[in-house]
């Protein structure tokens, strides 16, 4: 009777590979966390990324955003941003934000 251990060896190697990859990912995450300095904590409803949308050319990222808990994000394309928000005076922008906050569905997602 022949016993084939080849399948068991492959499964063991794949498990070890997965463990090794997880360990490497954890080490990289720890290293990256040490390299980043927290310079600000953003409140619920705060926007970010508008600098890249205001410029006509691609720019390198100015910051890394890290969510510390569960979050909901709204995304806007550059063309939509340019058509709507980039042309609004900051005072009008505040009125618009207040209007959006008055909508019950949106109010629970923003306390800005």
N, C-alpha and C. Protein backbone atom coordinates (compact mmCIF):
# COMPACT_ATOMS: atom_id res chain seq x y z
N UNK A 1 0.84 -1.16 0.00
CA UNK A 1 0.00 0.00 0.00
C UNK A 1 0.90 1.24 0.00
N UNK A 2 0.62 2.15 -0.93
CA UNK A 2 1.38 3.40 -1.02
C UNK A 2 0.60 4.51 -0.33
N UNK A 3 1.28 5.27 0.49
CA UNK A 3 0.65 6.42 1.16
C UNK A 3 1.24 7.68 0.55
N UNK A 4 0.36 8.58 0.11
CA UNK A 4 0.81 9.83 -0.53
C UNK A 4 0.70 10.98 0.46
N UNK A 5 1.87 11.47 0.91
CA UNK A 5 1.89 12.59 1.84
C UNK A 5 2.03 13.93 1.13
N UNK A 6 2.10 13.91 -0.20
CA UNK A 6 2.35 15.12 -0.96
C UNK A 6 1.31 16.20 -0.66
N UNK A 7 0.04 15.83 -0.60
CA UNK A 7 -1.03 16.79 -0.32
C UNK A 7 -0.87 17.42 1.05
N UNK A 8 -0.50 16.61 2.04
CA UNK A 8 -0.31 17.12 3.40
C UNK A 8 0.87 18.09 3.46
N UNK A 9 1.92 17.77 2.75
CA UNK A 9 3.10 18.64 2.74
C UNK A 9 2.77 19.97 2.08
N UNK A 10 2.04 19.95 0.99
CA UNK A 10 1.66 21.18 0.29
C UNK A 10 0.76 22.03 1.19
N UNK A 11 -0.20 21.39 1.86
CA UNK A 11 -1.09 22.13 2.76
C UNK A 11 -0.30 22.76 3.89
N UNK A 12 0.65 22.04 4.46
CA UNK A 12 1.48 22.57 5.54
C UNK A 12 2.31 23.75 5.05
N UNK A 13 2.89 23.61 3.86
CA UNK A 13 3.69 24.71 3.31
C UNK A 13 2.83 25.95 3.06
N UNK A 14 1.61 25.76 2.57
CA UNK A 14 0.72 26.90 2.33
C UNK A 14 0.33 27.57 3.65
N UNK A 15 0.10 26.78 4.69
CA UNK A 15 -0.22 27.35 6.00
C UNK A 15 0.96 28.16 6.53
N UNK A 16 2.17 27.61 6.41
CA UNK A 16 3.37 28.31 6.88
C UNK A 16 3.58 29.59 6.08
N UNK A 17 3.32 29.53 4.77
CA UNK A 17 3.44 30.72 3.92
C UNK A 17 2.47 31.79 4.39
N UNK A 18 1.23 31.42 4.67
CA UNK A 18 0.23 32.38 5.13
C UNK A 18 0.63 32.99 6.48
N UNK A 19 1.13 32.18 7.38
CA UNK A 19 1.60 32.68 8.68
C UNK A 19 2.75 33.67 8.50
N UNK A 20 3.69 33.32 7.63
CA UNK A 20 4.84 34.19 7.36
C UNK A 20 4.37 35.52 6.76
N UNK A 21 3.45 35.46 5.81
CA UNK A 21 2.94 36.69 5.19
C UNK A 21 2.23 37.57 6.22
N UNK A 22 1.48 36.97 7.13
CA UNK A 22 0.80 37.73 8.18
C UNK A 22 1.81 38.40 9.11
N UNK A 23 2.86 37.67 9.47
CA UNK A 23 3.89 38.24 10.34
C UNK A 23 4.59 39.41 9.66
N UNK A 24 4.89 39.26 8.38
CA UNK A 24 5.54 40.34 7.62
C UNK A 24 4.61 41.55 7.56
N UNK A 25 3.34 41.34 7.29
CA UNK A 25 2.37 42.45 7.21
C UNK A 25 2.28 43.18 8.54
N UNK A 26 2.29 42.44 9.65
CA UNK A 26 2.25 43.07 10.98
C UNK A 26 3.51 43.89 11.24
N UNK A 27 4.66 43.36 10.87
CA UNK A 27 5.91 44.10 11.06
C UNK A 27 5.93 45.38 10.23
N UNK A 28 5.45 45.31 9.00
CA UNK A 28 5.40 46.49 8.14
C UNK A 28 4.44 47.53 8.72
N UNK A 29 3.29 47.08 9.20
CA UNK A 29 2.31 48.00 9.79
C UNK A 29 2.89 48.70 11.02
N UNK A 30 3.60 47.95 11.87
CA UNK A 30 4.23 48.54 13.06
C UNK A 30 5.30 49.56 12.65
N UNK A 31 6.10 49.21 11.65
CA UNK A 31 7.13 50.13 11.17
C UNK A 31 6.50 51.40 10.62
N UNK A 32 5.46 51.26 9.79
CA UNK A 32 4.80 52.42 9.20
C UNK A 32 4.17 53.30 10.26
N UNK A 33 3.61 52.68 11.29
CA UNK A 33 2.98 53.45 12.36
C UNK A 33 4.01 54.29 13.10
N UNK A 34 5.21 53.76 13.25
CA UNK A 34 6.27 54.51 13.92
C UNK A 34 6.75 55.67 13.06
N UNK A 35 6.66 55.53 11.73
CA UNK A 35 7.12 56.58 10.83
C UNK A 35 6.14 57.74 10.74
N UNK A 36 4.88 57.49 11.03
CA UNK A 36 3.86 58.52 10.90
C UNK A 36 3.67 59.26 12.22
N UNK A 37 3.61 60.58 12.14
CA UNK A 37 3.31 61.40 13.31
C UNK A 37 1.87 61.87 13.20
N UNK A 38 1.12 61.72 14.27
CA UNK A 38 -0.25 62.23 14.27
C UNK A 38 -0.18 63.74 14.50
N UNK A 39 -0.68 64.50 13.56
CA UNK A 39 -0.64 65.95 13.68
C UNK A 39 -2.01 66.55 13.93
N UNK A 40 -3.06 65.74 13.74
CA UNK A 40 -4.41 66.27 13.93
C UNK A 40 -5.38 65.12 14.13
N UNK A 41 -6.47 65.43 14.81
CA UNK A 41 -7.59 64.51 14.91
C UNK A 41 -8.78 65.21 14.27
N UNK A 42 -9.37 64.56 13.31
CA UNK A 42 -10.48 65.18 12.58
C UNK A 42 -11.80 64.82 13.23
N UNK A 43 -12.66 65.82 13.36
CA UNK A 43 -13.98 65.60 13.94
C UNK A 43 -14.91 64.97 12.92
N UNK A 44 -15.97 64.38 13.40
CA UNK A 44 -16.98 63.81 12.52
C UNK A 44 -17.47 64.88 11.57
N UNK A 45 -17.59 64.54 10.30
CA UNK A 45 -18.08 65.48 9.30
C UNK A 45 -17.01 66.31 8.64
N UNK A 46 -15.77 66.16 9.06
CA UNK A 46 -14.68 66.94 8.48
C UNK A 46 -14.33 66.39 7.10
N UNK A 47 -14.02 67.30 6.19
CA UNK A 47 -13.63 66.90 4.85
C UNK A 47 -12.11 66.91 4.69
N UNK A 48 -11.63 66.18 3.72
CA UNK A 48 -10.20 66.19 3.41
C UNK A 48 -10.02 65.83 1.94
N UNK A 49 -8.88 66.17 1.41
CA UNK A 49 -8.56 65.83 0.02
C UNK A 49 -8.86 66.92 -0.98
N UNK A 50 -9.35 68.06 -0.51
CA UNK A 50 -9.74 69.12 -1.44
C UNK A 50 -8.55 69.80 -2.10
N UNK A 51 -7.38 69.77 -1.47
CA UNK A 51 -6.20 70.38 -2.11
C UNK A 51 -5.89 69.72 -3.44
N UNK A 52 -5.99 68.43 -3.48
CA UNK A 52 -5.73 67.71 -4.73
C UNK A 52 -6.78 68.05 -5.78
N UNK A 53 -7.99 68.34 -5.35
CA UNK A 53 -9.06 68.66 -6.29
C UNK A 53 -8.97 70.09 -6.81
N UNK A 54 -8.36 70.98 -6.04
CA UNK A 54 -8.28 72.38 -6.45
C UNK A 54 -7.17 72.62 -7.47
N UNK A 55 -6.20 71.79 -7.50
CA UNK A 55 -5.06 71.98 -8.40
C UNK A 55 -5.35 71.36 -9.76
N UNK A 56 -4.79 71.98 -10.81
CA UNK A 56 -5.01 71.48 -12.17
C UNK A 56 -4.13 70.29 -12.51
N UNK A 57 -3.10 70.08 -11.75
CA UNK A 57 -2.21 68.95 -12.03
C UNK A 57 -2.16 68.02 -10.83
N UNK A 58 -1.70 66.83 -11.07
CA UNK A 58 -1.60 65.87 -9.99
C UNK A 58 -0.53 66.31 -9.00
N UNK A 59 -0.85 66.17 -7.74
CA UNK A 59 0.09 66.53 -6.69
C UNK A 59 0.29 65.33 -5.78
N UNK A 60 1.46 65.22 -5.17
CA UNK A 60 1.64 64.13 -4.21
C UNK A 60 0.76 64.36 -2.99
N UNK A 61 0.42 63.28 -2.33
CA UNK A 61 -0.39 63.39 -1.11
C UNK A 61 0.32 64.24 -0.08
N UNK A 62 -0.46 65.05 0.62
CA UNK A 62 0.11 65.89 1.67
C UNK A 62 0.00 65.21 3.03
N UNK A 63 -0.86 64.18 3.12
CA UNK A 63 -1.06 63.53 4.42
C UNK A 63 -1.63 62.13 4.20
N UNK A 64 -1.60 61.36 5.26
CA UNK A 64 -2.24 60.06 5.28
C UNK A 64 -3.36 60.14 6.32
N UNK A 65 -4.53 59.69 5.94
CA UNK A 65 -5.68 59.69 6.84
C UNK A 65 -5.85 58.26 7.35
N UNK A 66 -5.93 58.12 8.67
CA UNK A 66 -6.12 56.79 9.26
C UNK A 66 -7.38 56.83 10.11
N UNK A 67 -8.32 55.97 9.79
CA UNK A 67 -9.56 55.90 10.54
C UNK A 67 -9.31 55.08 11.80
N UNK A 68 -9.67 55.62 12.95
CA UNK A 68 -9.41 54.96 14.21
C UNK A 68 -10.59 54.11 14.69
N UNK A 69 -11.67 54.11 13.95
CA UNK A 69 -12.86 53.32 14.29
C UNK A 69 -13.69 53.14 13.04
N UNK A 70 -14.93 52.75 13.22
CA UNK A 70 -15.77 52.60 12.04
C UNK A 70 -16.10 53.99 11.49
N UNK A 71 -16.23 54.08 10.19
CA UNK A 71 -16.52 55.38 9.60
C UNK A 71 -17.31 55.21 8.31
N UNK A 72 -17.94 56.29 7.92
CA UNK A 72 -18.67 56.36 6.66
C UNK A 72 -18.05 57.50 5.87
N UNK A 73 -17.75 57.25 4.61
CA UNK A 73 -17.12 58.28 3.79
C UNK A 73 -18.02 58.62 2.61
N UNK A 74 -18.04 59.88 2.26
CA UNK A 74 -18.70 60.33 1.04
C UNK A 74 -17.59 60.72 0.07
N UNK A 75 -17.73 60.33 -1.18
CA UNK A 75 -16.70 60.57 -2.17
C UNK A 75 -17.26 61.48 -3.26
N UNK A 76 -16.45 62.42 -3.71
CA UNK A 76 -16.88 63.31 -4.77
C UNK A 76 -15.79 63.35 -5.84
N UNK A 77 -16.20 63.25 -7.08
CA UNK A 77 -15.23 63.31 -8.18
C UNK A 77 -14.71 64.73 -8.35
N UNK A 78 -13.57 64.86 -9.00
CA UNK A 78 -12.98 66.19 -9.22
C UNK A 78 -13.92 67.05 -10.05
N UNK A 79 -14.55 66.49 -11.05
CA UNK A 79 -15.44 67.29 -11.89
C UNK A 79 -16.64 67.80 -11.10
N UNK A 80 -17.21 66.97 -10.24
CA UNK A 80 -18.33 67.41 -9.41
C UNK A 80 -17.88 68.47 -8.42
N UNK A 81 -16.74 68.27 -7.81
CA UNK A 81 -16.22 69.24 -6.85
C UNK A 81 -16.01 70.59 -7.52
N UNK A 82 -15.40 70.56 -8.70
CA UNK A 82 -15.12 71.80 -9.43
C UNK A 82 -16.41 72.52 -9.81
N UNK A 83 -17.42 71.76 -10.21
CA UNK A 83 -18.69 72.36 -10.61
C UNK A 83 -19.43 72.98 -9.43
N UNK A 84 -19.31 72.37 -8.26
CA UNK A 84 -20.14 72.78 -7.14
C UNK A 84 -19.36 73.49 -6.04
N UNK A 85 -18.54 72.77 -5.33
CA UNK A 85 -17.96 73.28 -4.08
C UNK A 85 -16.80 74.26 -4.27
N UNK A 86 -16.00 74.09 -5.29
CA UNK A 86 -14.83 74.96 -5.45
C UNK A 86 -15.23 76.40 -5.72
N UNK A 87 -16.43 76.62 -6.21
CA UNK A 87 -16.88 77.97 -6.57
C UNK A 87 -17.68 78.64 -5.46
N UNK A 88 -17.90 77.95 -4.37
CA UNK A 88 -18.73 78.48 -3.29
C UNK A 88 -17.88 79.28 -2.31
N UNK A 89 -18.34 80.45 -1.98
CA UNK A 89 -17.73 81.29 -0.96
C UNK A 89 -17.79 80.52 0.37
N UNK A 90 -16.77 80.62 1.22
CA UNK A 90 -16.80 79.87 2.49
C UNK A 90 -18.06 80.11 3.32
N UNK A 91 -18.59 81.35 3.30
CA UNK A 91 -19.82 81.62 4.06
C UNK A 91 -21.00 80.86 3.47
N UNK A 92 -21.06 80.82 2.14
CA UNK A 92 -22.13 80.06 1.50
C UNK A 92 -21.94 78.58 1.75
N UNK A 93 -20.70 78.16 1.79
CA UNK A 93 -20.39 76.76 2.07
C UNK A 93 -20.93 76.37 3.44
N UNK A 94 -20.75 77.24 4.43
CA UNK A 94 -21.26 76.97 5.79
C UNK A 94 -22.78 76.84 5.76
N UNK A 95 -23.46 77.69 5.01
CA UNK A 95 -24.92 77.61 4.90
C UNK A 95 -25.33 76.29 4.25
N UNK A 96 -24.58 75.89 3.22
CA UNK A 96 -24.88 74.64 2.53
C UNK A 96 -24.68 73.45 3.46
N UNK A 97 -23.60 73.47 4.22
CA UNK A 97 -23.34 72.39 5.18
C UNK A 97 -24.43 72.34 6.23
N UNK A 98 -24.84 73.52 6.73
CA UNK A 98 -25.93 73.56 7.71
C UNK A 98 -27.22 72.99 7.13
N UNK A 99 -27.47 73.28 5.85
CA UNK A 99 -28.65 72.73 5.20
C UNK A 99 -28.57 71.20 5.16
N UNK A 100 -27.42 70.68 4.75
CA UNK A 100 -27.27 69.23 4.68
C UNK A 100 -27.42 68.60 6.07
N UNK A 101 -26.91 69.29 7.08
CA UNK A 101 -27.03 68.77 8.44
C UNK A 101 -28.47 68.78 8.94
N UNK A 102 -29.31 69.60 8.33
CA UNK A 102 -30.72 69.64 8.73
C UNK A 102 -31.51 68.47 8.18
N UNK A 103 -30.96 67.75 7.22
CA UNK A 103 -31.61 66.58 6.66
C UNK A 103 -31.35 65.41 7.63
N UNK A 104 -32.42 64.82 8.17
CA UNK A 104 -32.24 63.80 9.23
C UNK A 104 -31.26 62.69 8.86
N UNK A 105 -31.32 62.16 7.65
CA UNK A 105 -30.43 61.08 7.26
C UNK A 105 -28.97 61.50 7.34
N UNK A 106 -28.68 62.73 6.90
CA UNK A 106 -27.29 63.21 6.89
C UNK A 106 -26.85 63.75 8.25
N UNK A 107 -27.78 64.25 9.03
CA UNK A 107 -27.45 64.86 10.32
C UNK A 107 -26.75 63.87 11.25
N UNK A 108 -27.15 62.60 11.20
CA UNK A 108 -26.54 61.64 12.10
C UNK A 108 -25.11 61.28 11.71
N UNK A 109 -24.69 61.67 10.51
CA UNK A 109 -23.34 61.37 10.04
C UNK A 109 -22.39 62.55 10.17
N UNK A 110 -22.88 63.69 10.64
CA UNK A 110 -22.01 64.86 10.72
C UNK A 110 -22.34 65.70 11.94
N UNK A 111 -21.28 66.08 12.65
CA UNK A 111 -21.45 67.01 13.77
C UNK A 111 -20.51 68.18 13.58
N UNK A 112 -20.12 68.46 12.36
CA UNK A 112 -19.16 69.50 12.05
C UNK A 112 -19.68 70.85 12.47
